[in-house]
Amino acid sequence: MNLAVRSGSESTQLGGQMNAEPLPEETALPTSSAPMEGEPAANLSAVATDATVPAVKHPGPGLLQACQSLVNIIVVALFIITFTVQPFRIPSASMEPTLLVGDFLLVNKQVGPEVEPHIYPPTSVIHRGDLIVFHYPVDAALHLVKRVVGLPGDHVRLHDGHAYIDGRALSEPYAVFRPSVTDSYRDEFPRLVSAAPGVDSRWWIEMHSPSLVSNGELTVPPDSYFVLGDNRNDSEDSRYWGFVPRGAIVGKPFLVYFSLNDSGAEPGQASAAALSDSGAAHHAGPAESLAGFARWDRALHILR
């Protein structure tokens, strides 16, 4: 048997001799990897390159990915601020020494009623002695922070500035009584003889209701709280503008995360050292200025 395969114009025989059409020279395949006579070696390199599968390149993070990450961060931050924690700054001295002017607070906004079953964590229930941040009843655009003294249903009165609940003196280790001028309205509350300066007119009229004030005691209505400042002689609180409704409560502060050294300033004013050109702070070096910039010992201070 004859078995022959010939390239080019020669005939192909398989078991017998037959004629075949000649193959075109340009379609003939090389039989080895060696370069054919007269063909440049660069052509073989081109063939090998074409046969190689190109590597897949993964694109790096571009502008779109960066924008998506930024949006995710903003959404998480808004969620935290809206539903869990929100920062506030103390502008006045009414809560000294517990809170100082310039303190920055983190406030737990998960505050709910104490109902059965207890689905809220213990910190969410408002107890007597708790600090709360709330919308100012006279101007809801403002936020205040005070301490809860009277709960719904309590009978509250003050004698010599000290709080009494249902006829019993309240233990107030947080309260301070700095020397001040005598004020019978402030210290013997509720005293309806005459209104003190700063008393809200609506609250003054409301206190004359027999259902609210009786036998020298103020009855806290349902879903409301009676609040006082720790700096008892220098605080405008429920004595001056009334109760805090439950719906006005924003949350409970639990941490001082930072505190500016602004103890010498009145609310809305800069500190005296910052305003004085001849003060020591003006001539202090960078290290001293940085050290005096904040109350570093109050950073991350947990509130009680």
Protein backbone atom coordinates (compact mmCIF):
# COMPACT_ATOMS: atom_id res chain seq x y z
CA MET A 1 0.00 0.00 0.00
CA ASN A 2 1.30 3.38 -0.87
CA LEU A 3 0.73 6.15 1.75
CA ALA A 4 2.17 9.47 0.78
CA VAL A 5 1.40 13.10 1.51
CA ARG A 6 3.16 15.65 -0.57
CA SER A 7 2.92 19.40 -0.38
CA GLY A 8 2.83 21.93 -3.11
CA SER A 9 1.77 20.94 -6.57
CA GLU A 10 2.65 17.25 -6.20
CA SER A 11 -0.20 14.74 -6.24
CA THR A 12 -1.57 12.99 -3.15
CA GLN A 13 -1.77 9.19 -3.11
CA LEU A 14 -3.78 7.13 -0.59
CA GLY A 15 -4.03 3.47 -1.41
CA GLY A 16 -3.80 4.33 -5.02
CA GLN A 17 -2.70 7.07 -7.28
CA MET A 18 -5.11 9.95 -7.89
CA ASN A 19 -4.81 13.45 -9.10
CA ALA A 20 -5.47 16.37 -6.75
CA GLU A 21 -5.67 20.06 -7.17
CA PRO A 22 -2.51 21.81 -6.16
CA LEU A 23 -2.56 23.62 -2.83
CA PRO A 24 -1.75 27.29 -2.95
CA GLU A 25 1.72 28.04 -1.76
CA GLU A 26 0.52 30.70 0.73
CA THR A 27 -1.74 28.20 2.58
CA ALA A 28 0.95 25.58 3.14
CA LEU A 29 1.64 25.08 6.88
CA PRO A 30 5.19 24.84 8.13
CA THR A 31 6.17 21.41 9.38
CA SER A 32 8.64 22.61 12.00
CA SER A 33 9.29 25.57 14.24
CA ALA A 34 12.38 26.52 12.27
CA PRO A 35 12.05 29.54 10.02
CA MET A 36 11.35 28.71 6.41
CA GLU A 37 13.86 29.59 3.80
CA GLY A 38 13.61 33.18 2.80
CA GLU A 39 11.09 34.08 5.59
CA PRO A 40 12.08 36.65 8.18
CA ALA A 41 12.33 35.37 11.76
CA ALA A 42 10.05 38.22 12.95
CA ASN A 43 7.04 36.54 11.34
CA LEU A 44 7.34 33.54 13.67
CA SER A 45 7.37 35.85 16.65
CA ALA A 46 4.21 37.50 15.40
CA VAL A 47 2.48 34.11 15.05
CA ALA A 48 3.45 33.12 18.60
CA THR A 49 2.21 36.43 19.96
CA ASP A 50 -1.14 36.09 18.21
CA ALA A 51 -1.62 32.61 19.62
CA THR A 52 -1.03 33.75 23.24
CA VAL A 53 -4.18 34.57 25.28
CA PRO A 54 -3.85 38.14 26.62
CA ALA A 55 -3.87 38.52 30.44
CA VAL A 56 -7.05 39.99 31.93
CA LYS A 57 -6.38 43.25 33.73
CA HIS A 58 -8.74 44.23 36.56
CA PRO A 59 -9.44 47.93 36.59
CA GLY A 60 -8.40 49.75 39.76
CA PRO A 61 -10.80 51.82 41.90
CA GLY A 62 -11.90 54.70 39.79
CA LEU A 63 -13.91 57.81 40.40
CA LEU A 64 -17.19 55.90 40.44
CA GLN A 65 -16.00 53.47 43.13
CA ALA A 66 -14.68 56.36 45.20
CA CYS A 67 -18.02 58.17 44.96
CA GLN A 68 -19.89 55.03 45.96
CA SER A 69 -17.67 54.62 49.03
CA LEU A 70 -18.22 58.25 50.00
CA VAL A 71 -21.99 57.88 49.65
CA ASN A 72 -21.92 54.76 51.84
CA ILE A 73 -19.97 56.60 54.53
CA ILE A 74 -22.41 59.53 54.44
CA VAL A 75 -25.41 57.21 54.69
CA VAL A 76 -23.93 55.40 57.70
CA ALA A 77 -23.07 58.72 59.39
CA LEU A 78 -26.59 60.08 58.82
CA PHE A 79 -28.08 56.86 60.18
CA ILE A 80 -25.94 57.10 63.33
CA ILE A 81 -26.75 60.79 63.87
CA THR A 82 -30.46 60.29 63.19
CA PHE A 83 -31.13 57.13 65.19
CA THR A 84 -28.31 56.42 67.63
CA VAL A 85 -25.69 59.00 68.64
CA GLN A 86 -25.44 62.74 68.10
CA PRO A 87 -22.83 65.28 69.25
CA PHE A 88 -23.73 68.42 71.25
CA ARG A 89 -21.75 71.26 72.81
CA ILE A 90 -22.40 72.80 76.25
CA PRO A 91 -22.83 76.60 75.92
CA SER A 92 -23.68 77.63 79.52
CA ALA A 93 -22.67 77.02 83.12
CA SER A 94 -26.05 75.80 84.37
CA MET A 95 -24.84 72.18 84.68
CA GLU A 96 -21.50 72.84 86.36
CA PRO A 97 -19.57 71.04 87.72
CA THR A 98 -21.03 67.99 85.94
CA LEU A 99 -20.80 69.65 82.53
CA LEU A 100 -18.50 72.55 81.73
CA VAL A 101 -18.75 75.26 79.12
CA GLY A 102 -17.00 73.91 76.03
CA ASP A 103 -17.73 70.23 76.67
CA PHE A 104 -18.68 68.20 73.60
CA LEU A 105 -21.12 65.39 74.34
CA LEU A 106 -22.22 62.20 72.66
CA VAL A 107 -25.92 61.61 73.22
CA ASN A 108 -27.67 58.26 73.11
CA LYS A 109 -30.87 58.87 71.16
CA GLN A 110 -32.34 55.43 71.85
CA VAL A 111 -34.75 56.63 74.54
CA GLY A 112 -38.07 54.88 75.03
CA PRO A 113 -40.80 54.34 77.61
CA GLU A 114 -40.44 51.76 80.34
CA VAL A 115 -42.97 49.14 79.30
CA GLU A 116 -43.34 45.39 79.52
CA PRO A 117 -41.63 43.48 78.04
CA HIS A 118 -38.38 45.43 78.34
CA ILE A 119 -37.34 45.58 74.71
CA TYR A 120 -35.07 48.60 75.23
CA PRO A 121 -31.65 48.49 76.87
CA PRO A 122 -31.52 49.84 80.44
CA THR A 123 -29.94 53.12 79.31
CA SER A 124 -33.00 53.96 77.22
CA VAL A 125 -35.37 54.28 80.20
CA ILE A 126 -35.56 57.71 81.85
CA HIS A 127 -34.93 57.57 85.59
CA ARG A 128 -34.78 60.21 88.27
CA GLY A 129 -31.28 61.71 88.26
CA ASP A 130 -30.66 61.08 84.54
CA LEU A 131 -29.18 63.74 82.29
CA ILE A 132 -31.30 64.44 79.22
CA VAL A 133 -30.96 66.58 76.10
CA PHE A 134 -34.26 68.03 74.88
CA HIS A 135 -35.83 70.71 72.73
CA TYR A 136 -36.30 73.91 74.71
CA PRO A 137 -40.07 74.18 75.34
CA VAL A 138 -40.03 77.94 74.67
CA ASP A 139 -37.99 77.64 71.44
CA ALA A 140 -37.86 74.14 69.96
CA ALA A 141 -34.94 75.10 67.71
CA LEU A 142 -32.65 75.17 70.76
CA HIS A 143 -31.36 72.18 72.70
CA LEU A 144 -30.86 72.16 76.46
CA VAL A 145 -29.37 69.62 78.85
CA LYS A 146 -30.68 69.26 82.42
CA ARG A 147 -31.12 66.61 85.09
CA VAL A 148 -34.43 64.81 85.65
CA VAL A 149 -35.77 65.48 89.16
CA GLY A 150 -39.50 64.86 88.89
CA LEU A 151 -41.08 61.89 87.08
CA PRO A 152 -44.71 61.67 85.91
CA GLY A 153 -47.02 61.68 88.95
CA ASP A 154 -44.42 63.06 91.38
CA HIS A 155 -45.27 65.90 93.78
CA VAL A 156 -42.32 68.31 93.65
CA ARG A 157 -41.33 71.28 95.77
CA LEU A 158 -38.09 73.09 96.58
CA HIS A 159 -37.07 74.38 99.99
CA ASP A 160 -33.92 76.44 100.26
CA GLY A 161 -33.08 75.23 96.76
CA HIS A 162 -33.18 71.53 97.67
CA ALA A 163 -35.72 69.28 95.95
CA TYR A 164 -38.40 67.31 97.79
CA ILE A 165 -40.34 64.50 96.11
CA ASP A 166 -43.64 63.44 97.72
CA GLY A 167 -42.58 65.20 100.91
CA ARG A 168 -39.14 63.55 101.16
CA ALA A 169 -35.82 65.29 100.59
CA LEU A 170 -34.09 64.05 97.47
CA SER A 171 -30.45 62.97 97.71
CA GLU A 172 -28.62 65.22 95.26
CA PRO A 173 -24.86 64.62 95.35
CA TYR A 174 -24.58 66.27 91.92
CA ALA A 175 -26.16 69.61 92.95
CA VAL A 176 -24.07 72.64 93.95
CA PHE A 177 -25.32 75.80 95.69
CA ARG A 178 -22.95 78.65 94.97
CA PRO A 179 -23.40 81.92 96.86
CA SER A 180 -25.97 84.19 95.23
CA VAL A 181 -28.59 86.76 96.07
CA THR A 182 -31.73 85.55 97.81
CA ASP A 183 -34.52 84.57 95.42
CA SER A 184 -37.66 83.21 97.07
CA TYR A 185 -39.21 82.18 93.76
CA ARG A 186 -36.13 80.14 92.81
CA ASP A 187 -35.43 78.61 96.22
CA GLU A 188 -38.99 78.08 97.56
CA PHE A 189 -40.63 76.73 94.45
CA PRO A 190 -43.55 76.74 93.65
CA ARG A 191 -44.11 80.14 95.18
CA LEU A 192 -46.92 82.01 93.45
CA VAL A 193 -46.66 85.36 95.23
CA SER A 194 -44.72 87.07 92.45
CA ALA A 195 -42.95 85.98 89.30
CA ALA A 196 -39.19 86.25 89.11
CA PRO A 197 -37.45 87.84 86.11
CA GLY A 198 -37.07 85.34 83.30
CA VAL A 199 -40.22 83.33 84.10
CA ASP A 200 -42.18 82.44 80.97
CA SER A 201 -45.60 84.10 81.07
CA ARG A 202 -47.39 81.01 79.78
CA TRP A 203 -45.83 78.93 82.55
CA TRP A 204 -46.72 81.51 85.20
CA ILE A 205 -50.37 81.37 84.19
CA GLU A 206 -50.36 77.57 83.98
CA MET A 207 -48.99 77.21 87.51
CA HIS A 208 -52.08 78.92 88.92
CA SER A 209 -54.21 75.93 87.93
CA PRO A 210 -55.39 74.02 91.08
CA SER A 211 -54.78 70.71 89.29
CA LEU A 212 -51.12 71.60 88.87
CA VAL A 213 -50.17 73.30 92.14
CA SER A 214 -51.80 72.26 95.41
CA ASN A 215 -50.63 72.44 99.05
CA GLY A 216 -47.38 74.00 97.99
CA GLU A 217 -46.46 71.11 95.67
CA LEU A 218 -46.27 70.86 91.91
CA THR A 219 -47.74 67.70 90.35
CA VAL A 220 -45.86 66.40 87.31
CA PRO A 221 -48.39 65.44 84.61
CA PRO A 222 -48.23 62.20 82.56
CA ASP A 223 -45.54 61.95 79.87
CA SER A 224 -43.71 64.96 81.30
CA TYR A 225 -40.61 65.58 83.41
CA PHE A 226 -39.49 68.24 85.87
CA VAL A 227 -35.81 69.11 85.29
CA LEU A 228 -33.26 71.22 87.15
CA GLY A 229 -29.69 72.34 86.54
CA ASP A 230 -26.92 71.00 88.76
CA ASN A 231 -25.69 74.55 89.31
CA ARG A 232 -28.89 75.14 91.23
CA ASN A 233 -28.54 78.91 91.85
CA ASP A 234 -27.53 79.70 88.27
CA SER A 235 -29.90 77.69 86.09
CA GLU A 236 -33.05 78.53 84.17
CA ASP A 237 -34.93 75.25 84.20
CA SER A 238 -38.43 73.85 84.83
CA ARG A 239 -38.93 76.47 87.53
CA TYR A 240 -38.91 79.14 84.83
CA TRP A 241 -40.52 77.55 81.76
CA GLY A 242 -42.28 74.35 82.83
CA PHE A 243 -42.16 70.63 82.13
CA VAL A 244 -40.29 68.75 79.43
CA PRO A 245 -42.68 66.58 77.37
CA ARG A 246 -41.47 63.09 76.57
CA GLY A 247 -41.73 63.85 72.86
CA ALA A 248 -39.26 66.74 73.22
CA ILE A 249 -36.49 64.55 74.62
CA VAL A 250 -33.65 63.95 72.15
CA GLY A 251 -31.59 61.52 74.21
CA LYS A 252 -29.30 60.96 77.16
CA PRO A 253 -25.69 62.21 77.14
CA PHE A 254 -23.23 59.51 78.15
CA LEU A 255 -19.76 60.74 77.15
CA VAL A 256 -17.69 63.92 77.02
CA TYR A 257 -15.52 63.13 74.00
CA PHE A 258 -13.75 66.51 73.91
CA SER A 259 -13.65 69.73 75.93
CA LEU A 260 -12.42 73.16 74.90
CA ASN A 261 -10.68 75.15 77.62
CA ASP A 262 -13.31 77.88 77.70
CA SER A 263 -14.05 78.01 81.40
CA GLY A 264 -13.54 81.78 81.62
CA ALA A 265 -16.14 82.58 78.97
CA GLU A 266 -19.77 83.50 79.32
CA PRO A 267 -22.24 81.87 76.90
CA GLY A 268 -21.76 83.31 73.44
CA GLN A 269 -18.45 85.03 74.31
CA ALA A 270 -14.82 84.16 73.74
CA SER A 271 -12.54 83.49 76.69
CA ALA A 272 -10.83 86.44 78.36
CA ALA A 273 -7.37 85.07 77.53
CA ALA A 274 -8.24 84.87 73.84
CA LEU A 275 -9.44 88.50 73.81
CA SER A 276 -6.51 89.93 75.73
CA ASP A 277 -3.50 90.99 73.67
CA SER A 278 -1.34 91.15 76.77
CA GLY A 279 -2.39 87.81 78.22
CA ALA A 280 0.03 84.97 78.75
CA ALA A 281 -1.80 82.86 76.18
CA HIS A 282 -0.95 85.46 73.51
CA HIS A 283 2.79 84.99 74.06
CA ALA A 284 2.77 81.26 74.72
CA GLY A 285 4.66 78.99 72.38
CA PRO A 286 3.02 76.35 70.16
CA ALA A 287 3.41 73.59 72.77
CA GLU A 288 1.87 75.70 75.54
CA SER A 289 -0.95 76.85 73.27
CA LEU A 290 -1.74 73.28 72.28
CA ALA A 291 -1.69 72.13 75.90
CA GLY A 292 -4.02 74.96 76.96
CA PHE A 293 -6.32 74.60 73.98
CA ALA A 294 -8.43 71.88 75.57
CA ARG A 295 -9.16 70.14 78.86
CA TRP A 296 -7.40 66.92 77.92
CA ASP A 297 -8.28 65.29 81.24
CA ARG A 298 -11.99 65.47 80.33
CA ALA A 299 -11.60 63.72 76.98
CA LEU A 300 -13.59 60.46 76.90
CA HIS A 301 -15.07 61.26 80.31
CA ILE A 302 -18.09 59.05 81.06
CA LEU A 303 -21.05 60.92 82.53
CA ARG A 304 -22.92 59.73 85.60
